[in-house]
């Protein structure tokens, strides 16, 4: 019997990643990678048009050329563009983002095959379907951080799966760092990665059915793991705050962005002690009570953010204070307006105009075009009007992506039921919790309907469907009990 439980869990463990999988076979990875490469390269030949999205893409270009952070966007994506380098050609960026997309698809295969333990084809087919999924195909061709952020999230999930298999806190630390990378690329995924990293040690200690260790983890194990998580995030927040000359946080413009979430809930009393009178709300010409206008209160001249800029020397701190107070005072109100917003996916008028926005029909300004010409030696004029196969494919996917949003939670619950009695139950729980976390995060923090925001959902929908279908197939293979002899 093992007498001690080492901090890094350096105890011999069985080699298979899960109780169901065969030995790890590099040949399977090579076959899957080649199949995915063929699919991705075929799409690259079919459509090799790089696109821009309003001013967001320009912020990333600016960040990459100056190697500086952008207050309201991911600094990590911009810095990665600098390393590509972005000054090559649009095709270079397309090839790199295609490679990222292929890695995310390969991650789906690895997770299903070696974490969950599905059969080879049951793991490969969902990965191939993901590679040709409309949101992945189109957003690879958009100069935005979605493809990069999903890859970081998938890598974090795979590291967590490995941690749940062996319990080594070294793997847990790596997962926490991966979660930070994910959040720095796509802030919308921050609640999901924090939730998963919080639950992972608890899942490992209490939900394992086939123990890979000789003794139960000691009482200090979960506190030690959570201390690692807390140290990583607090350290990052302070480092980021120091670098941006803002209070500790994940985003320099946290207050400004939260206005786009809680504007209808802000009241005059929320301004107490900020140095700005509550009567400043009378200067806001755009309706505050209309939750469909939330995003416009950030970007439009008649919105709340512009009013704060005109009335305070530190509008960011005022925005952080009033939005925090509004959320704490009326969390149910926030949930209510977000649920009402979700109904917009079924509104033909709103969904039509939202999809037009997401496919990039808004033309870049003259200044934006000049910036791209200088930085990338590429003239994007007219690209917003150019119809290509990938854009038409994505534009036709409204109902598929809407189904992914609303079906993911029940699919995750089905995965939880199927995997509950399996030897590697913790891997099923990880997939289910990640899926439910995505849905919850979208419900709580998405201030508009947006098909771009649903970009990660198909990965998890296909993963859960593969588990459910494979579970049904396994159930049919179990021979029925023979009747007893009388």
Protein backbone atom coordinates (compact mmCIF):
# COMPACT_ATOMS: atom_id res chain seq x y z
CA UNK A 1 0.00 0.00 0.00
CA UNK A 2 1.26 3.50 -0.83
CA UNK A 3 2.08 5.38 2.36
CA UNK A 4 2.04 8.93 1.09
CA UNK A 5 0.30 11.05 -1.53
CA UNK A 6 2.94 13.09 -3.34
CA UNK A 7 2.04 16.69 -4.24
CA UNK A 8 2.63 16.06 -7.94
CA UNK A 9 1.10 12.57 -7.74
CA UNK A 10 4.25 10.78 -8.98
CA UNK A 11 2.68 7.34 -8.66
CA UNK A 12 2.82 4.74 -11.46
CA UNK A 13 -0.40 4.81 -13.44
CA UNK A 14 -1.92 2.65 -16.14
CA UNK A 15 -1.00 3.85 -19.62
CA UNK A 16 -4.41 3.96 -21.34
CA UNK A 17 -5.98 7.43 -21.17
CA UNK A 18 -9.32 5.95 -20.18
CA UNK A 19 -10.66 2.67 -18.97
CA UNK A 20 -12.36 1.99 -22.32
CA UNK A 21 -9.63 2.98 -24.76
CA UNK A 22 -6.98 0.72 -26.20
CA UNK A 23 -3.32 1.59 -25.89
CA UNK A 24 -2.45 5.00 -27.27
CA UNK A 25 -1.68 4.45 -30.95
CA UNK A 26 0.16 7.25 -32.79
CA UNK A 27 -0.95 5.69 -36.07
CA UNK A 28 -4.57 6.59 -35.27
CA UNK A 29 -3.58 10.20 -34.63
CA UNK A 30 -1.72 10.31 -37.94
CA UNK A 31 -4.70 8.89 -39.86
CA UNK A 32 -7.08 11.36 -38.22
CA UNK A 33 -4.70 14.28 -38.84
CA UNK A 34 -4.31 13.37 -42.52
CA UNK A 35 -8.07 13.07 -43.01
CA UNK A 36 -8.64 16.45 -41.35
CA UNK A 37 -5.83 18.04 -43.36
CA UNK A 38 -7.47 16.91 -46.61
CA UNK A 39 -10.81 18.44 -45.57
CA UNK A 40 -9.27 21.72 -44.39
CA UNK A 41 -7.09 22.08 -47.48
CA UNK A 42 -10.06 21.39 -49.74
CA UNK A 43 -11.97 24.25 -48.13
CA UNK A 44 -8.90 26.47 -48.41
CA UNK A 45 -8.88 25.86 -52.15
CA UNK A 46 -12.64 26.42 -52.43
CA UNK A 47 -12.57 29.73 -50.52
CA UNK A 48 -9.35 31.61 -49.74
CA UNK A 49 -10.83 35.04 -49.01
CA UNK A 50 -9.77 36.74 -45.80
CA UNK A 51 -12.43 39.01 -44.32
CA UNK A 52 -12.64 41.86 -41.81
CA UNK A 53 -15.26 42.47 -39.17
CA UNK A 54 -16.15 46.13 -38.58
CA UNK A 55 -13.62 47.85 -36.28
CA UNK A 56 -12.75 44.74 -34.30
CA UNK A 57 -10.35 43.39 -36.89
CA UNK A 58 -8.64 46.79 -37.09
CA UNK A 59 -7.92 46.69 -33.38
CA UNK A 60 -6.15 43.37 -33.79
CA UNK A 61 -4.16 44.67 -36.76
CA UNK A 62 -3.16 47.74 -34.75
CA UNK A 63 -2.17 45.56 -31.80
CA UNK A 64 -0.05 43.33 -34.03
CA UNK A 65 1.82 46.17 -35.70
CA UNK A 66 2.60 48.06 -32.51
CA UNK A 67 2.87 44.99 -30.27
CA UNK A 68 0.67 46.70 -27.69
CA UNK A 69 -2.55 45.67 -26.00
CA UNK A 70 -6.00 46.83 -27.05
CA UNK A 71 -8.08 47.84 -24.06
CA UNK A 72 -11.31 46.19 -25.20
CA UNK A 73 -9.91 43.21 -27.14
CA UNK A 74 -7.50 40.30 -26.76
CA UNK A 75 -3.86 41.32 -26.66
CA UNK A 76 -2.75 37.70 -27.10
CA UNK A 77 -4.37 37.31 -30.52
CA UNK A 78 -2.84 40.55 -31.75
CA UNK A 79 0.59 39.53 -30.52
CA UNK A 80 0.22 36.15 -32.21
CA UNK A 81 -0.57 37.92 -35.47
CA UNK A 82 2.67 39.81 -35.00
CA UNK A 83 4.57 36.52 -34.77
CA UNK A 84 2.98 35.02 -37.90
CA UNK A 85 3.91 37.74 -39.11
CA UNK A 86 0.83 39.68 -40.12
CA UNK A 87 2.88 41.68 -42.62
CA UNK A 88 3.14 38.65 -44.89
CA UNK A 89 -0.05 38.11 -46.86
CA UNK A 90 -3.72 37.43 -46.09
CA UNK A 91 -3.08 33.86 -47.27
CA UNK A 92 -0.53 33.41 -44.50
CA UNK A 93 -3.13 34.31 -41.89
CA UNK A 94 -5.68 32.05 -43.57
CA UNK A 95 -3.28 29.12 -43.53
CA UNK A 96 -2.41 29.62 -39.86
CA UNK A 97 -6.05 29.91 -38.81
CA UNK A 98 -6.90 26.85 -40.90
CA UNK A 99 -4.18 25.00 -39.01
CA UNK A 100 -5.70 26.14 -35.69
CA UNK A 101 -9.12 24.91 -36.81
CA UNK A 102 -7.66 21.53 -37.80
CA UNK A 103 -6.02 21.22 -34.38
CA UNK A 104 -9.36 21.91 -32.67
CA UNK A 105 -10.95 19.17 -34.78
CA UNK A 106 -8.07 16.81 -33.95
CA UNK A 107 -8.60 17.69 -30.29
CA UNK A 108 -12.19 16.50 -30.63
CA UNK A 109 -10.96 13.17 -31.98
CA UNK A 110 -8.38 12.79 -29.19
CA UNK A 111 -10.91 13.63 -26.49
CA UNK A 112 -13.52 11.17 -27.74
CA UNK A 113 -11.05 8.39 -28.50
CA UNK A 114 -8.65 8.58 -25.58
CA UNK A 115 -10.55 10.39 -22.82
CA UNK A 116 -14.08 9.07 -23.31
CA UNK A 117 -12.93 5.84 -24.96
CA UNK A 118 -15.14 5.69 -28.06
CA UNK A 119 -14.36 3.52 -31.06
CA UNK A 120 -12.06 4.90 -33.75
CA UNK A 121 -14.75 5.74 -36.31
CA UNK A 122 -17.10 7.03 -33.63
CA UNK A 123 -14.36 9.52 -32.73
CA UNK A 124 -13.18 10.38 -36.25
CA UNK A 125 -16.57 11.11 -37.83
CA UNK A 126 -17.50 13.92 -35.38
CA UNK A 127 -14.04 15.46 -35.92
CA UNK A 128 -14.55 15.45 -39.69
CA UNK A 129 -18.04 16.91 -39.32
CA UNK A 130 -16.63 19.63 -37.12
CA UNK A 131 -14.00 20.48 -39.75
CA UNK A 132 -16.77 21.20 -42.29
CA UNK A 133 -19.15 22.85 -39.81
CA UNK A 134 -20.35 26.27 -41.14
CA UNK A 135 -19.19 28.46 -38.24
CA UNK A 136 -15.71 26.94 -38.28
CA UNK A 137 -15.37 27.23 -42.05
CA UNK A 138 -16.39 30.88 -42.13
CA UNK A 139 -14.71 32.22 -38.98
CA UNK A 140 -11.38 30.77 -40.07
CA UNK A 141 -11.65 33.33 -42.87
CA UNK A 142 -12.39 36.21 -40.51
CA UNK A 143 -9.60 38.25 -38.93
CA UNK A 144 -10.98 37.66 -35.46
CA UNK A 145 -9.95 35.71 -32.35
CA UNK A 146 -12.70 33.04 -32.35
CA UNK A 147 -10.69 30.23 -33.99
CA UNK A 148 -7.64 30.89 -31.81
CA UNK A 149 -9.77 31.10 -28.65
CA UNK A 150 -11.53 27.81 -29.37
CA UNK A 151 -8.19 26.06 -29.84
CA UNK A 152 -7.00 27.38 -26.46
CA UNK A 153 -10.25 26.17 -24.87
CA UNK A 154 -9.96 22.71 -26.44
CA UNK A 155 -6.35 22.41 -25.26
CA UNK A 156 -7.45 23.38 -21.74
CA UNK A 157 -10.16 20.72 -21.84
CA UNK A 158 -7.68 18.06 -22.95
CA UNK A 159 -5.27 18.99 -20.17
CA UNK A 160 -8.10 18.81 -17.64
CA UNK A 161 -9.01 15.38 -19.00
CA UNK A 162 -5.43 14.24 -18.44
CA UNK A 163 -5.46 15.71 -14.95
CA UNK A 164 -8.67 13.86 -14.09
CA UNK A 165 -7.02 10.66 -15.28
CA UNK A 166 -3.89 10.89 -13.15
CA UNK A 167 -4.59 13.52 -10.49
CA UNK A 168 -1.20 15.19 -10.82
CA UNK A 169 -1.31 18.81 -9.71
CA UNK A 170 1.30 19.65 -12.34
CA UNK A 171 -1.33 18.92 -14.98
CA UNK A 172 -3.83 20.97 -13.01
CA UNK A 173 -1.47 23.97 -13.00
CA UNK A 174 -1.10 23.60 -16.77
CA UNK A 175 -4.89 23.56 -17.12
CA UNK A 176 -5.19 26.74 -15.04
CA UNK A 177 -2.65 28.47 -17.28
CA UNK A 178 -4.50 27.21 -20.36
CA UNK A 179 -7.70 28.65 -18.94
CA UNK A 180 -6.00 32.02 -18.51
CA UNK A 181 -4.81 31.90 -22.12
CA UNK A 182 -8.35 31.05 -23.23
CA UNK A 183 -9.82 33.94 -21.25
CA UNK A 184 -7.22 36.39 -22.54
CA UNK A 185 -8.20 35.50 -26.11
CA UNK A 186 -11.96 35.18 -25.60
CA UNK A 187 -13.14 36.87 -22.40
CA UNK A 188 -16.60 35.35 -22.88
CA UNK A 189 -15.12 31.95 -21.99
CA UNK A 190 -13.74 33.17 -18.65
CA UNK A 191 -16.69 31.93 -16.51
CA UNK A 192 -16.49 28.52 -18.19
CA UNK A 193 -12.77 27.94 -17.59
CA UNK A 194 -12.99 29.19 -14.00
CA UNK A 195 -15.94 26.89 -13.36
CA UNK A 196 -14.22 23.86 -14.89
CA UNK A 197 -10.98 24.44 -13.02
CA UNK A 198 -12.91 24.87 -9.77
CA UNK A 199 -14.86 21.65 -10.27
CA UNK A 200 -11.99 19.52 -11.58
CA UNK A 201 -10.34 18.70 -8.20
CA UNK A 202 -13.75 17.95 -6.68
CA UNK A 203 -14.62 15.65 -9.58
CA UNK A 204 -11.26 13.88 -9.25
CA UNK A 205 -11.62 13.25 -5.53
CA UNK A 206 -15.30 12.36 -5.27
CA UNK A 207 -16.46 11.05 -8.65
CA UNK A 208 -13.76 8.63 -9.75
CA UNK A 209 -15.02 5.06 -10.07
CA UNK A 210 -11.82 3.29 -11.13
CA UNK A 211 -9.08 4.68 -8.87
CA UNK A 212 -5.68 5.01 -10.50
CA UNK A 213 -4.03 5.58 -7.12
CA UNK A 214 -3.62 3.35 -4.14
CA UNK A 215 -4.89 5.78 -1.51
CA UNK A 216 -7.56 8.47 -1.39
CA UNK A 217 -6.22 12.02 -1.79
CA UNK A 218 -5.54 13.67 1.58
CA UNK A 219 -7.65 16.47 3.01
CA UNK A 220 -5.29 19.18 1.78
CA UNK A 221 -5.54 18.11 -1.87
CA UNK A 222 -8.60 20.15 -2.93
CA UNK A 223 -7.52 23.32 -1.03
CA UNK A 224 -4.06 23.02 -2.59
CA UNK A 225 -5.56 22.75 -6.08
CA UNK A 226 -7.88 25.70 -5.54
CA UNK A 227 -4.95 27.71 -4.17
CA UNK A 228 -3.15 27.08 -7.47
CA UNK A 229 -6.21 28.32 -9.39
CA UNK A 230 -6.55 31.42 -7.19
CA UNK A 231 -2.84 32.26 -7.41
CA UNK A 232 -2.84 31.99 -11.20
CA UNK A 233 -5.85 34.23 -11.69
CA UNK A 234 -5.05 36.82 -9.03
CA UNK A 235 -1.48 37.03 -10.30
CA UNK A 236 -2.66 37.47 -13.89
CA UNK A 237 -5.22 40.13 -12.95
CA UNK A 238 -2.65 42.19 -11.07
CA UNK A 239 -0.06 41.82 -13.84
CA UNK A 240 -2.61 42.83 -16.46
CA UNK A 241 -3.80 45.77 -14.36
CA UNK A 242 -0.21 46.95 -13.90
CA UNK A 243 0.50 46.67 -17.63
CA UNK A 244 -2.65 48.58 -18.63
CA UNK A 245 -2.48 51.07 -15.74
CA UNK A 246 -5.95 49.99 -14.62
CA UNK A 247 -7.21 48.20 -11.51
CA UNK A 248 -6.60 44.42 -11.51
CA UNK A 249 -8.82 42.62 -13.99
CA UNK A 250 -9.03 40.60 -17.17
CA UNK A 251 -9.94 43.50 -19.45
CA UNK A 252 -8.85 47.13 -19.22
CA UNK A 253 -12.32 48.34 -20.26
CA UNK A 254 -14.30 46.03 -17.98
CA UNK A 255 -16.65 48.82 -16.92
CA UNK A 256 -17.30 50.02 -20.45
CA UNK A 257 -18.06 46.51 -21.69
CA UNK A 258 -20.37 45.81 -18.72
CA UNK A 259 -22.46 48.82 -19.70
CA UNK A 260 -23.40 46.82 -22.76
CA UNK A 261 -24.69 44.10 -20.45
CA UNK A 262 -26.56 45.93 -17.67
CA UNK A 263 -27.49 49.35 -19.10
CA UNK A 264 -31.25 48.82 -18.56
CA UNK A 265 -30.65 48.08 -14.86
CA UNK A 266 -28.63 51.21 -14.02
CA UNK A 267 -30.37 53.73 -11.76
CA UNK A 268 -29.45 57.21 -10.49
CA UNK A 269 -28.61 55.88 -7.00
CA UNK A 270 -25.85 53.71 -8.49
CA UNK A 271 -23.76 56.86 -9.05
CA UNK A 272 -23.45 57.66 -5.32
CA UNK A 273 -19.83 58.42 -4.42
CA UNK A 274 -18.54 58.27 -8.00
CA UNK A 275 -18.20 62.03 -8.45
CA UNK A 276 -20.83 61.94 -11.20
CA UNK A 277 -24.44 62.88 -10.32
CA UNK A 278 -27.19 60.40 -11.07
CA UNK A 279 -28.95 63.08 -13.10
CA UNK A 280 -26.37 62.42 -15.79
CA UNK A 281 -28.74 59.70 -17.02
CA UNK A 282 -30.99 62.48 -18.30
CA UNK A 283 -28.30 63.30 -20.86
CA UNK A 284 -28.52 59.83 -22.42
CA UNK A 285 -30.60 60.23 -25.58
CA UNK A 286 -30.74 56.53 -26.46
CA UNK A 287 -33.42 54.58 -24.50
CA UNK A 288 -31.90 52.91 -21.44
CA UNK A 289 -34.84 50.59 -20.76
CA UNK A 290 -34.68 48.91 -24.17
CA UNK A 291 -32.43 45.86 -23.72
CA UNK A 292 -32.00 45.57 -27.50
CA UNK A 293 -30.06 48.84 -27.34
CA UNK A 294 -27.48 47.59 -24.81
CA UNK A 295 -24.59 47.30 -27.24
CA UNK A 296 -25.30 50.73 -28.69
CA UNK A 297 -24.78 52.29 -25.26
CA UNK A 298 -21.10 51.42 -25.66
CA UNK A 299 -20.42 52.39 -29.25
CA UNK A 300 -22.89 55.12 -30.21
CA UNK A 301 -22.49 58.84 -29.52
CA UNK A 302 -25.92 59.03 -27.91
CA UNK A 303 -25.22 56.10 -25.56
CA UNK A 304 -24.38 55.99 -21.85
CA UNK A 305 -20.63 55.42 -22.26
CA UNK A 306 -20.17 58.61 -24.29
CA UNK A 307 -22.07 60.54 -21.62
CA UNK A 308 -19.75 59.18 -18.92
CA UNK A 309 -16.73 60.17 -21.00
CA UNK A 310 -18.08 63.70 -21.22
CA UNK A 311 -18.80 63.98 -17.49
CA UNK A 312 -15.90 62.22 -15.76
CA UNK A 313 -12.11 62.25 -15.91
CA UNK A 314 -12.18 58.50 -15.16
CA UNK A 315 -15.27 57.07 -16.91
CA UNK A 316 -13.94 53.50 -16.68
CA UNK A 317 -13.97 53.50 -12.87
CA UNK A 318 -17.41 55.11 -12.80
CA UNK A 319 -18.68 52.45 -15.21
CA UNK A 320 -17.20 49.64 -13.09
CA UNK A 321 -18.91 50.99 -9.98
CA UNK A 322 -22.37 51.59 -11.40
CA UNK A 323 -22.50 48.32 -13.36
CA UNK A 324 -21.37 46.28 -10.35
CA UNK A 325 -24.04 47.88 -8.18
CA UNK A 326 -26.72 47.34 -10.82
CA UNK A 327 -25.87 43.64 -11.19
CA UNK A 328 -25.78 43.03 -7.43
CA UNK A 329 -29.04 44.90 -6.87
CA UNK A 330 -31.03 43.15 -9.57
CA UNK A 331 -29.49 39.84 -10.75
CA UNK A 332 -32.94 38.47 -11.56
CA UNK A 333 -33.57 41.46 -13.80
CA UNK A 334 -30.36 40.72 -15.69
CA UNK A 335 -31.40 37.11 -16.17
CA UNK A 336 -34.83 38.20 -17.36
CA UNK A 337 -33.58 40.55 -20.07
CA UNK A 338 -31.01 38.00 -21.22
CA UNK A 339 -33.73 35.38 -21.61
CA UNK A 340 -35.78 37.89 -23.60
CA UNK A 341 -32.72 38.51 -25.76
CA UNK A 342 -32.38 34.79 -26.51
CA UNK A 343 -35.86 34.88 -28.02
CA UNK A 344 -34.37 37.06 -30.74
CA UNK A 345 -32.92 33.95 -32.39
CA UNK A 346 -36.52 33.06 -33.32
CA UNK A 347 -37.39 36.55 -34.54
CA UNK A 348 -37.05 36.54 -38.37
CA UNK A 349 -36.37 40.28 -38.53
CA UNK A 350 -33.70 40.41 -35.81
CA UNK A 351 -32.01 37.17 -36.85
CA UNK A 352 -31.85 38.33 -40.48
CA UNK A 353 -30.11 41.60 -39.68
CA UNK A 354 -27.85 39.92 -37.12
CA UNK A 355 -26.62 37.40 -39.65
CA UNK A 356 -25.92 40.18 -42.15
CA UNK A 357 -23.78 41.84 -39.52
CA UNK A 358 -21.97 38.61 -38.62
CA UNK A 359 -21.02 37.78 -42.21
CA UNK A 360 -19.33 41.16 -42.50
CA UNK A 361 -21.44 43.25 -44.87
CA UNK A 362 -20.39 46.50 -43.16
CA UNK A 363 -17.64 48.11 -45.20
CA UNK A 364 -14.39 49.17 -43.50
CA UNK A 365 -13.88 52.92 -43.26
CA UNK A 366 -11.26 54.79 -45.27
CA UNK A 367 -9.02 54.98 -42.20
CA UNK A 368 -9.41 51.22 -41.66
CA UNK A 369 -8.49 50.49 -45.26
CA UNK A 370 -5.42 52.72 -44.97
CA UNK A 371 -4.36 50.91 -41.78
CA UNK A 372 -4.68 47.48 -43.39
CA UNK A 373 -2.83 48.62 -46.53
CA UNK A 374 0.07 49.87 -44.41
CA UNK A 375 0.22 46.96 -42.01
CA UNK A 376 -0.58 44.02 -44.27
CA UNK A 377 0.14 45.33 -47.79
CA UNK A 378 -3.38 44.28 -48.72
CA UNK A 379 -6.30 46.33 -50.03
CA UNK A 380 -9.54 45.09 -48.41
CA UNK A 381 -11.76 47.44 -50.40
CA UNK A 382 -14.92 45.70 -51.54
CA UNK A 383 -14.33 42.50 -49.56
CA UNK A 384 -17.52 43.17 -47.59
CA UNK A 385 -19.54 42.86 -50.82
CA UNK A 386 -17.78 39.74 -52.06
CA UNK A 387 -19.94 36.61 -51.92
CA UNK A 388 -17.97 33.38 -51.53
CA UNK A 389 -18.90 29.74 -50.74
CA UNK A 390 -17.86 29.98 -47.07
CA UNK A 391 -19.94 33.10 -46.49
CA UNK A 392 -23.01 31.65 -48.18
CA UNK A 393 -22.52 28.43 -46.19
CA UNK A 394 -22.38 30.30 -42.89
CA UNK A 395 -25.30 32.56 -43.80
CA UNK A 396 -27.47 29.46 -44.34
CA UNK A 397 -26.60 28.00 -40.92
CA UNK A 398 -28.87 30.08 -38.66
CA UNK A 399 -31.08 27.21 -37.60
CA UNK A 400 -28.19 24.81 -37.12
CA UNK A 401 -26.41 27.22 -34.78
CA UNK A 402 -29.64 28.07 -32.96
CA UNK A 403 -30.24 24.34 -32.45
CA UNK A 404 -26.70 24.01 -31.07
CA UNK A 405 -27.46 26.70 -28.49
CA UNK A 406 -30.76 25.29 -27.28
CA UNK A 407 -30.01 21.56 -27.56
CA UNK A 408 -26.57 21.52 -25.96
CA UNK A 409 -27.87 21.47 -22.36
CA UNK A 410 -30.20 18.45 -22.81
CA UNK A 411 -27.47 16.65 -24.78
CA UNK A 412 -25.04 17.29 -21.92
CA UNK A 413 -27.50 15.89 -19.38
CA UNK A 414 -27.90 12.78 -21.54
CA UNK A 415 -24.10 12.39 -21.61
CA UNK A 416 -24.05 12.65 -17.83
CA UNK A 417 -26.62 9.85 -17.52
CA UNK A 418 -24.83 7.60 -20.02
CA UNK A 419 -21.43 8.03 -18.41
CA UNK A 420 -22.44 7.96 -14.75
CA UNK A 421 -21.87 4.22 -14.29
CA UNK A 422 -18.82 3.92 -16.53
CA UNK A 423 -15.33 3.34 -15.12
CA UNK A 424 -14.15 6.72 -16.43
CA UNK A 425 -17.18 8.65 -15.23
CA UNK A 426 -15.10 11.79 -14.55
CA UNK A 427 -14.45 12.30 -18.28
CA UNK A 428 -18.18 12.24 -19.07
CA UNK A 429 -18.76 14.69 -16.22
CA UNK A 430 -16.05 16.99 -17.62
CA UNK A 431 -17.70 17.05 -21.05
CA UNK A 432 -21.14 17.62 -19.55
CA UNK A 433 -19.95 20.41 -17.24
CA UNK A 434 -18.08 22.19 -20.06
CA UNK A 435 -21.20 22.00 -22.24
CA UNK A 436 -23.53 23.26 -19.50
CA UNK A 437 -21.03 25.99 -18.66
CA UNK A 438 -21.08 27.25 -22.24
CA UNK A 439 -24.87 27.47 -22.20
CA UNK A 440 -24.96 29.17 -18.79
CA UNK A 441 -22.28 31.67 -19.78
CA UNK A 442 -24.16 32.59 -22.95
CA UNK A 443 -27.41 32.95 -21.01
CA UNK A 444 -25.87 35.17 -18.33
CA UNK A 445 -23.45 37.32 -20.32
CA UNK A 446 -24.51 37.55 -23.98
CA UNK A 447 -26.09 40.98 -24.46
CA UNK A 448 -27.09 40.44 -28.09
CA UNK A 449 -27.99 37.57 -30.38
CA UNK A 450 -24.93 36.73 -32.43
CA UNK A 451 -24.11 33.67 -34.48
CA UNK A 452 -20.41 34.40 -34.05
CA UNK A 453 -20.89 33.96 -30.31
CA UNK A 454 -22.11 30.40 -30.95
CA UNK A 455 -18.84 29.42 -32.60
CA UNK A 456 -17.69 26.99 -29.80
CA UNK A 457 -21.05 25.24 -29.47
CA UNK A 458 -20.81 22.79 -32.42
CA UNK A 459 -17.64 21.20 -30.98
CA UNK A 460 -19.53 20.24 -27.84
CA UNK A 461 -22.77 19.34 -29.63
CA UNK A 462 -20.89 16.88 -31.84
CA UNK A 463 -18.96 15.49 -28.87
CA UNK A 464 -22.14 14.87 -26.88
CA UNK A 465 -23.95 13.39 -29.87
CA UNK A 466 -21.04 11.00 -30.44
CA UNK A 467 -21.21 9.86 -26.81
CA UNK A 468 -24.99 9.38 -26.96
CA UNK A 469 -24.96 7.49 -30.29
CA UNK A 470 -22.05 5.31 -29.22
CA UNK A 471 -23.77 4.61 -25.90
CA UNK A 472 -26.92 3.50 -27.72
CA UNK A 473 -24.83 1.28 -30.01
CA UNK A 474 -23.06 -0.34 -27.06
CA UNK A 475 -26.39 -0.92 -25.36
CA UNK A 476 -27.70 -2.78 -28.43
CA UNK A 477 -24.62 -5.00 -28.47
CA UNK A 478 -25.34 -6.29 -24.95
CA UNK A 479 -27.05 -9.69 -25.38
CA UNK A 480 -30.50 -9.99 -23.89
CA UNK A 481 -30.72 -12.28 -20.83
CA UNK A 482 -31.82 -15.79 -21.66
CA UNK A 483 -35.09 -16.95 -20.14
CA UNK A 484 -34.64 -19.32 -17.22
CA UNK A 485 -35.36 -23.00 -17.63
CA UNK A 486 -38.57 -24.08 -15.98
